[in-house]
Amino acid sequence: MRKICVVTGARAEFGLLVWLMREIAGNPDLKLQVIATGAHLSPEFGSTYREIEDAAINIDAKVEMLLSGDTSIATTKSVGLGVIGFADAYACLKPDIVVVLGDRYEIFAAAASALFAGLPIAHLHGGETTEGAFDEAIRHSITKMAHLHFVATEVYRRRVIQLGEAPCRVFNVGGLGIDAIKRIGVLNREELEAQLGFKFGSKSLLITFHPITLEHGDSSPAQLAELLSALSNFGDSSLIFTAPNSDTGSRWLSKMISDFVTDHKNAHFFTSLGQLKYFSCLAQVDGVIGNSSSGLAEAPSFGVGTVNIGDRQKGRLKAESVIDCQPESAAIASAIERLYSSEFRQKLKAVQNPYGNGGASVSISKLLATIELDGILKKEFYDLPFIEVE
């Protein structure tokens, strides 16, 4: 029985991985192993490892690595602690394949440790670009450490091959977020209001703003201040904030949001909604505001418009439901007004999600069970045909 070790470090990523975990657990040829790390183990971020347990998924190991700080030094030291912790976890679990998703520093630590342990790595959602965050470099680094690649679109498949990966090991399976949307049953409005503890207004917006890690230190709070200034003009809308992730500078952003919510009765702040309540919100709100990938990857499947602020997600494929805008109060307010316009809302009815129609979890599980692993650790750089430029 092939042992598949899935690493998860945050609430949003687990929401994408949970259906793959269940497919692996249900495959008689595979044994699921789960390592929880990062923000999952932090009370500050909601101790979301409990969501894994609530999903009836066993956690085989916990790797503590998140320091009590959000500075660049704390992030760097966290990666070092993670590499050490994963070394011990892998030595204990002895997996046949390590599965990692995306581009966060916790996942970089997991991949680096697996590389040194001589373990095959399967990387999910590679080939994507986010030019405004150091996630970009982390994602491509993991691609070069990995041996199997499961990507969300044909554009991303070509980009992974461009990075020198053999085409026979790069699989376009679609986005895992679409799988989750297809499988989960959202709460109706009354059920959601009861769980959130407030009633939606006639208008509502879901807001997530993460740190912009490749810009100077005061850029993230300055951009969030512009966003909050713009939102002050929409007192007739229910404003639902989710917490920023655990990147450098996240604590100050959380404080700014908390202060805003205290002063605005129409605003509400949640450290962690969890996938069910988050998707249920997507089914109820008029739009998604901020710089989270969810506004690009999941929101289009709900027919919901997105105001995408700044450069954090620059380079990702986007549906026509996405409105890009500069991180300036007037530009953000104008984009929200456009989102509410009857012309734009009519346009949403025909929007197609570029990340596919589901089925990624089943496809990945089958490939993990059947793909040949002999000799997989030795990779040859795949050269594209040379094009001479005059």
Protein backbone atom coordinates (compact mmCIF):
# COMPACT_ATOMS: atom_id res chain seq x y z
CA MET A 1 0.00 0.00 0.00
CA ARG A 2 1.48 3.33 -1.12
CA LYS A 3 1.68 5.92 1.69
CA ILE A 4 0.67 9.43 0.58
CA CYS A 5 1.59 12.20 3.03
CA VAL A 6 -0.42 15.41 2.57
CA VAL A 7 0.88 18.58 4.23
CA THR A 8 -1.49 21.40 5.19
CA GLY A 9 -0.55 24.68 6.84
CA ALA A 10 -3.59 26.97 6.72
CA ARG A 11 -7.40 27.00 6.71
CA ALA A 12 -7.83 28.04 3.06
CA GLU A 13 -5.40 25.45 1.76
CA PHE A 14 -7.04 22.66 3.80
CA GLY A 15 -10.35 23.61 2.21
CA LEU A 16 -8.79 22.78 -1.15
CA LEU A 17 -7.09 19.59 0.05
CA VAL A 18 -9.85 17.98 2.09
CA TRP A 19 -11.56 16.33 -0.89
CA LEU A 20 -8.27 14.96 -2.18
CA MET A 21 -7.54 13.60 1.30
CA ARG A 22 -10.88 11.79 1.28
CA GLU A 23 -10.23 10.35 -2.19
CA ILE A 24 -6.83 9.07 -1.03
CA ALA A 25 -8.32 7.61 2.17
CA GLY A 26 -11.00 5.83 0.12
CA ASN A 27 -8.54 4.29 -2.35
CA PRO A 28 -7.66 0.71 -1.31
CA ASP A 29 -4.21 1.06 -2.87
CA LEU A 30 -3.30 4.15 -0.86
CA LYS A 31 -2.78 5.02 2.79
CA LEU A 32 -3.40 8.65 3.77
CA GLN A 33 -1.01 10.44 6.11
CA VAL A 34 -1.63 14.06 7.18
CA ILE A 35 0.80 16.58 8.65
CA ALA A 36 -0.64 19.81 10.09
CA THR A 37 1.63 22.81 10.50
CA GLY A 38 1.82 26.60 10.39
CA ALA A 39 -1.27 28.66 11.19
CA HIS A 40 -3.31 25.48 11.84
CA LEU A 41 -1.53 25.13 15.19
CA SER A 42 -1.75 28.79 16.22
CA PRO A 43 -4.49 30.03 18.61
CA GLU A 44 -4.00 33.49 17.07
CA PHE A 45 -5.28 32.14 13.75
CA GLY A 46 -8.07 30.07 15.25
CA SER A 47 -6.29 26.72 15.92
CA THR A 48 -7.79 25.50 12.68
CA TYR A 49 -6.29 22.03 13.01
CA ARG A 50 -9.62 21.34 14.71
CA GLU A 51 -11.32 21.72 11.33
CA ILE A 52 -9.22 18.79 10.09
CA GLU A 53 -10.33 16.70 13.06
CA ASP A 54 -13.95 17.83 12.62
CA ALA A 55 -13.75 16.52 9.04
CA ALA A 56 -12.98 13.06 10.52
CA ILE A 57 -9.45 13.15 9.11
CA ASN A 58 -6.66 11.86 11.35
CA ILE A 59 -3.62 14.09 11.87
CA ASP A 60 -0.56 11.85 11.89
CA ALA A 61 1.93 14.55 12.88
CA LYS A 62 2.00 18.21 13.91
CA VAL A 63 4.97 20.37 12.99
CA GLU A 64 5.16 23.49 15.16
CA MET A 65 6.99 26.21 13.26
CA LEU A 66 5.05 29.49 13.49
CA LEU A 67 6.83 31.93 15.79
CA SER A 68 4.90 34.54 17.74
CA GLY A 69 5.81 37.37 15.41
CA ASP A 70 5.10 38.64 11.92
CA THR A 71 8.46 40.19 11.04
CA SER A 72 10.71 39.01 8.21
CA ILE A 73 13.08 37.59 10.83
CA ALA A 74 10.27 35.57 12.44
CA THR A 75 9.20 34.25 9.03
CA THR A 76 12.76 33.21 8.17
CA LYS A 77 13.24 31.46 11.51
CA SER A 78 9.87 29.74 11.11
CA VAL A 79 11.07 28.19 7.85
CA GLY A 80 14.16 26.87 9.63
CA LEU A 81 12.08 25.37 12.43
CA GLY A 82 9.77 23.84 9.83
CA VAL A 83 12.61 22.11 7.97
CA ILE A 84 13.77 20.56 11.27
CA GLY A 85 10.25 19.51 12.28
CA PHE A 86 9.41 17.97 8.92
CA ALA A 87 12.67 16.00 8.99
CA ASP A 88 11.48 14.28 12.17
CA ALA A 89 7.93 13.79 10.87
CA TYR A 90 9.09 12.18 7.61
CA ALA A 91 11.54 9.93 9.47
CA CYS A 92 8.65 8.69 11.61
CA LEU A 93 5.97 8.34 8.92
CA LYS A 94 8.20 7.09 6.05
CA PRO A 95 5.83 8.21 3.26
CA ASP A 96 6.22 7.11 -0.36
CA ILE A 97 5.05 10.50 -1.75
CA VAL A 98 4.73 13.91 -0.11
CA VAL A 99 1.88 16.09 -1.45
CA VAL A 100 2.11 19.87 -1.09
CA LEU A 101 -0.08 22.65 -2.45
CA GLY A 102 0.81 26.14 -3.53
CA ASP A 103 3.32 28.67 -2.48
CA ARG A 104 3.49 29.52 1.21
CA TYR A 105 6.67 29.48 3.30
CA GLU A 106 5.35 26.61 5.44
CA ILE A 107 5.03 24.52 2.29
CA PHE A 108 8.51 25.56 1.15
CA ALA A 109 9.87 24.12 4.42
CA ALA A 110 7.92 20.89 3.88
CA ALA A 111 9.21 20.53 0.30
CA ALA A 112 12.84 21.32 1.16
CA SER A 113 12.85 18.76 3.96
CA ALA A 114 11.29 16.12 1.68
CA LEU A 115 13.91 16.84 -1.00
CA PHE A 116 16.77 16.24 1.44
CA ALA A 117 15.02 13.10 2.73
CA GLY A 118 14.92 11.66 -0.79
CA LEU A 119 11.12 11.60 -0.94
CA PRO A 120 9.17 12.12 -4.18
CA ILE A 121 7.17 15.36 -4.08
CA ALA A 122 3.83 15.97 -5.79
CA HIS A 123 3.13 19.69 -6.17
CA LEU A 124 -0.39 21.04 -6.67
CA HIS A 125 -1.24 24.39 -8.30
CA GLY A 126 2.20 25.09 -9.70
CA GLY A 127 2.87 27.30 -12.71
CA GLU A 128 0.75 30.17 -11.42
CA THR A 129 2.03 33.70 -10.95
CA THR A 130 1.53 36.28 -8.18
CA GLU A 131 3.96 39.05 -8.95
CA GLY A 132 3.19 41.09 -5.83
CA ALA A 133 4.24 38.50 -3.23
CA PHE A 134 7.26 36.32 -2.44
CA ASP A 135 4.86 33.40 -2.96
CA GLU A 136 5.87 33.69 -6.63
CA ALA A 137 9.46 32.64 -5.97
CA ILE A 138 8.42 29.99 -3.44
CA ARG A 139 5.96 28.41 -5.87
CA HIS A 140 8.51 28.10 -8.68
CA SER A 141 11.16 26.84 -6.23
CA ILE A 142 8.84 24.06 -5.12
CA THR A 143 8.23 23.22 -8.79
CA LYS A 144 11.96 22.59 -9.21
CA MET A 145 12.04 20.43 -6.06
CA ALA A 146 8.96 18.43 -7.09
CA HIS A 147 8.72 15.31 -9.25
CA LEU A 148 5.00 15.29 -10.10
CA HIS A 149 2.95 18.35 -10.99
CA PHE A 150 -0.83 18.74 -10.89
CA VAL A 151 -1.80 22.12 -12.35
CA ALA A 152 -5.09 23.98 -12.76
CA THR A 153 -5.01 25.13 -16.41
CA GLU A 154 -3.21 24.45 -19.68
CA VAL A 155 -1.44 27.84 -19.41
CA TYR A 156 0.02 26.76 -16.07
CA ARG A 157 0.97 23.35 -17.46
CA ARG A 158 3.00 25.02 -20.20
CA ARG A 159 4.69 27.27 -17.66
CA VAL A 160 5.79 24.33 -15.49
CA ILE A 161 7.25 22.67 -18.60
CA GLN A 162 8.96 25.97 -19.41
CA LEU A 163 10.67 25.67 -16.02
CA GLY A 164 12.32 22.48 -17.29
CA GLU A 165 9.90 19.82 -16.04
CA ALA A 166 9.20 16.78 -18.22
CA PRO A 167 5.77 17.02 -19.92
CA CYS A 168 4.96 13.41 -18.98
CA ARG A 169 4.99 14.43 -15.31
CA VAL A 170 2.86 17.56 -15.60
CA PHE A 171 -0.91 16.98 -15.46
CA ASN A 172 -3.66 19.53 -16.07
CA VAL A 173 -6.37 18.39 -13.64
CA GLY A 174 -8.19 21.69 -13.05
CA GLY A 175 -8.56 23.71 -9.86
CA LEU A 176 -9.13 21.99 -6.53
CA GLY A 177 -11.37 24.86 -5.46
CA ILE A 178 -13.89 23.88 -8.11
CA ASP A 179 -14.02 20.38 -6.62
CA ALA A 180 -14.88 21.84 -3.24
CA ILE A 181 -17.62 24.04 -4.69
CA LYS A 182 -19.16 21.07 -6.53
CA ARG A 183 -19.16 18.83 -3.45
CA ILE A 184 -20.04 21.07 -0.53
CA GLY A 185 -23.65 22.01 0.25
CA VAL A 186 -23.81 25.66 1.31
CA LEU A 187 -25.98 26.98 4.15
CA ASN A 188 -29.09 28.94 3.28
CA ARG A 189 -29.31 32.60 4.30
CA GLU A 190 -31.08 32.00 7.63
CA GLU A 191 -28.73 29.17 8.64
CA LEU A 192 -25.70 31.28 7.74
CA GLU A 193 -26.98 34.31 9.66
CA ALA A 194 -27.58 32.14 12.73
CA GLN A 195 -24.02 30.79 12.62
CA LEU A 196 -22.42 34.18 11.95
CA GLY A 197 -24.51 35.98 14.55
CA PHE A 198 -25.80 38.84 12.40
CA LYS A 199 -28.31 39.49 9.61
CA PHE A 200 -27.25 40.44 6.11
CA GLY A 201 -28.37 43.81 4.79
CA SER A 202 -29.86 44.40 1.35
CA LYS A 203 -26.25 44.63 0.12
CA SER A 204 -23.19 42.76 1.34
CA LEU A 205 -19.48 42.41 0.59
CA LEU A 206 -16.89 39.77 1.60
CA ILE A 207 -13.45 41.28 2.21
CA THR A 208 -10.03 39.62 2.53
CA PHE A 209 -6.81 41.60 2.40
CA HIS A 210 -3.41 39.89 2.76
CA PRO A 211 0.06 41.44 3.19
CA ILE A 212 1.91 42.42 0.00
CA THR A 213 5.25 40.84 0.80
CA LEU A 214 7.33 42.16 -2.12
CA GLU A 215 6.62 45.82 -1.47
CA HIS A 216 8.17 48.08 1.17
CA GLY A 217 7.11 47.62 4.79
CA ASP A 218 4.42 50.30 5.01
CA SER A 219 2.76 49.42 1.71
CA SER A 220 0.33 46.82 3.10
CA PRO A 221 -1.12 49.02 5.87
CA ALA A 222 -1.21 52.00 3.50
CA GLN A 223 -3.19 50.01 0.93
CA LEU A 224 -5.52 48.60 3.58
CA ALA A 225 -6.12 52.14 4.87
CA GLU A 226 -7.19 53.14 1.34
CA LEU A 227 -9.53 50.13 1.19
CA LEU A 228 -11.09 50.92 4.58
CA SER A 229 -11.52 54.54 3.56
CA ALA A 230 -13.39 53.42 0.44
CA LEU A 231 -15.57 51.00 2.40
CA SER A 232 -16.60 53.80 4.75
CA ASN A 233 -18.71 55.11 1.86
CA PHE A 234 -20.79 51.92 1.77
CA GLY A 235 -22.65 52.11 5.05
CA ASP A 236 -25.68 50.44 3.43
CA SER A 237 -23.67 47.24 2.85
CA SER A 238 -22.90 44.47 5.34
CA LEU A 239 -19.10 44.15 5.40
CA ILE A 240 -17.74 40.71 6.27
CA PHE A 241 -13.98 40.65 6.90
CA THR A 242 -11.88 37.50 7.10
CA ALA A 243 -8.43 37.65 8.71
CA PRO A 244 -5.25 38.13 6.68
CA ASN A 245 -2.94 35.12 6.48
CA SER A 246 0.16 34.70 8.65
CA ASP A 247 2.60 36.49 6.31
CA THR A 248 4.93 39.27 7.39
CA GLY A 249 2.95 42.25 8.68
CA SER A 250 -0.36 40.46 9.20
CA ARG A 251 -0.83 41.51 12.84
CA TRP A 252 -0.97 45.21 12.07
CA LEU A 253 -3.50 44.56 9.30
CA SER A 254 -5.69 42.58 11.72
CA LYS A 255 -5.57 45.44 14.23
CA MET A 256 -6.57 47.95 11.55
CA ILE A 257 -9.54 45.79 10.58
CA SER A 258 -10.56 45.26 14.21
CA ASP A 259 -10.48 49.02 14.84
CA PHE A 260 -12.58 49.64 11.72
CA VAL A 261 -15.16 47.04 12.77
CA THR A 262 -15.41 48.61 16.23
CA ASP A 263 -16.31 51.94 14.63
CA HIS A 264 -18.70 50.60 11.97
CA LYS A 265 -21.82 48.72 13.02
CA ASN A 266 -22.29 47.26 9.52
CA ALA A 267 -18.86 45.53 9.67
CA HIS A 268 -17.99 42.10 11.10
CA PHE A 269 -14.58 40.41 11.51
CA PHE A 270 -13.92 36.64 11.60
CA THR A 271 -10.55 35.04 12.31
CA SER A 272 -11.60 31.91 10.43
CA LEU A 273 -14.90 31.20 8.69
CA GLY A 274 -14.03 27.69 7.55
CA GLN A 275 -14.89 26.43 4.09
CA LEU A 276 -18.61 25.82 4.61
CA LYS A 277 -19.34 29.30 5.97
CA TYR A 278 -16.95 30.95 3.52
CA PHE A 279 -18.62 29.36 0.49
CA SER A 280 -22.02 30.07 2.02
CA CYS A 281 -21.01 33.74 2.23
CA LEU A 282 -19.94 33.65 -1.42
CA ALA A 283 -23.41 32.39 -2.29
CA GLN A 284 -25.02 35.36 -0.49
CA VAL A 285 -22.80 38.41 -1.02
CA ASP A 286 -22.84 40.89 -3.88
CA GLY A 287 -19.07 40.83 -4.32
CA VAL A 288 -15.61 39.94 -3.05
CA ILE A 289 -13.14 42.71 -2.25
CA GLY A 290 -9.39 42.54 -1.56
CA ASN A 291 -6.34 40.72 -2.88
CA SER A 292 -7.02 37.04 -2.13
CA SER A 293 -6.74 34.33 -4.78
CA SER A 294 -10.22 33.12 -3.83
CA GLY A 295 -11.73 36.13 -5.59
CA LEU A 296 -10.17 34.83 -8.80
CA ALA A 297 -10.38 31.06 -8.35
CA GLU A 298 -13.66 30.42 -6.51
CA ALA A 299 -15.87 33.52 -6.68
CA PRO A 300 -16.53 33.22 -10.46
CA SER A 301 -18.20 29.84 -9.90
CA PHE A 302 -20.78 31.55 -7.67
CA GLY A 303 -21.49 34.23 -10.26
CA VAL A 304 -20.01 36.78 -7.87
CA GLY A 305 -17.95 39.78 -8.96
CA THR A 306 -14.52 40.54 -7.52
CA VAL A 307 -12.69 43.82 -6.94
CA ASN A 308 -9.02 42.78 -7.07
CA ILE A 309 -6.83 45.44 -5.46
CA GLY A 310 -3.20 46.09 -6.37
CA ASP A 311 -0.52 43.71 -7.62
CA ARG A 312 -0.60 40.80 -5.17
CA GLN A 313 -2.43 38.54 -7.65
CA LYS A 314 -0.90 40.09 -10.77
CA GLY A 315 -0.30 37.42 -13.41
CA ARG A 316 -3.06 34.97 -12.45
CA LEU A 317 -5.70 33.95 -14.97
CA LYS A 318 -8.89 35.93 -14.35
CA ALA A 319 -12.52 35.55 -15.30
CA GLU A 320 -14.47 38.50 -16.69
CA SER A 321 -16.06 38.84 -13.24
CA VAL A 322 -12.81 40.32 -11.88
CA ILE A 323 -12.38 44.10 -11.74
CA ASP A 324 -8.74 45.13 -11.26
CA CYS A 325 -8.07 48.45 -9.55
CA GLN A 326 -5.26 50.49 -8.05
CA PRO A 327 -4.91 50.49 -4.23
CA GLU A 328 -6.36 53.98 -3.92
CA SER A 329 -9.58 54.91 -2.12
CA ALA A 330 -11.24 56.62 -5.09
CA ALA A 331 -10.34 53.78 -7.49
CA ILE A 332 -11.61 51.13 -5.06
CA ALA A 333 -14.88 52.99 -4.45
CA SER A 334 -15.37 53.37 -8.21
CA ALA A 335 -14.73 49.64 -8.74
CA ILE A 336 -17.28 48.74 -6.03
CA GLU A 337 -19.83 51.04 -7.65
CA ARG A 338 -19.21 49.24 -10.94
CA LEU A 339 -19.60 45.88 -9.19
CA TYR A 340 -23.06 46.98 -7.97
CA SER A 341 -24.11 48.33 -11.39
CA SER A 342 -26.94 46.58 -13.25
CA GLU A 343 -24.80 46.33 -16.40
CA PHE A 344 -22.02 44.45 -14.60
CA ARG A 345 -24.43 42.21 -12.71
CA GLN A 346 -26.07 41.23 -15.98
CA LYS A 347 -22.63 40.36 -17.37
CA LEU A 348 -21.99 37.98 -14.45
CA LYS A 349 -24.62 35.54 -15.74
CA ALA A 350 -22.36 34.48 -18.63
CA VAL A 351 -19.06 34.30 -16.71
CA GLN A 352 -16.98 31.12 -17.07
CA ASN A 353 -14.44 30.07 -14.44
CA PRO A 354 -11.03 29.54 -16.14
CA TYR A 355 -10.11 26.90 -13.55
CA GLY A 356 -12.32 24.15 -14.96
CA ASN A 357 -15.41 22.22 -13.93
CA GLY A 358 -14.17 19.94 -11.14
CA GLY A 359 -12.78 16.42 -10.93
CA ALA A 360 -9.24 17.31 -9.83
CA SER A 361 -9.32 15.29 -6.59
CA VAL A 362 -10.32 12.05 -8.33
CA SER A 363 -7.75 12.51 -11.11
CA ILE A 364 -4.90 13.24 -8.69
CA SER A 365 -5.78 10.30 -6.42
CA LYS A 366 -5.79 7.86 -9.34
CA LEU A 367 -2.44 9.12 -10.62
CA LEU A 368 -0.86 8.94 -7.15
CA ALA A 369 -1.93 5.30 -6.94
CA THR A 370 -0.67 4.22 -10.36
CA ILE A 371 2.25 6.38 -11.47
CA GLU A 372 5.65 4.67 -11.65
CA LEU A 373 8.03 5.83 -8.91
CA ASP A 374 11.18 3.92 -9.87
CA GLY A 375 13.87 6.39 -10.82
CA ILE A 376 11.57 9.39 -10.26
CA LEU A 377 14.01 11.21 -7.97
CA LYS A 378 16.55 11.74 -10.76
CA LYS A 379 15.22 14.49 -12.98
CA GLU A 380 16.53 15.68 -16.32
CA PHE A 381 16.01 19.31 -17.29
CA TYR A 382 13.52 19.41 -20.15
CA ASP A 383 14.72 21.91 -22.74
CA LEU A 384 12.22 23.67 -24.95
CA PRO A 385 13.10 23.98 -28.65
CA PHE A 386 15.64 26.77 -29.04
CA ILE A 387 14.37 29.88 -30.77
CA GLU A 388 17.05 32.15 -32.10
CA VAL A 389 16.35 35.83 -31.54
CA GLU A 390 17.94 38.30 -33.95
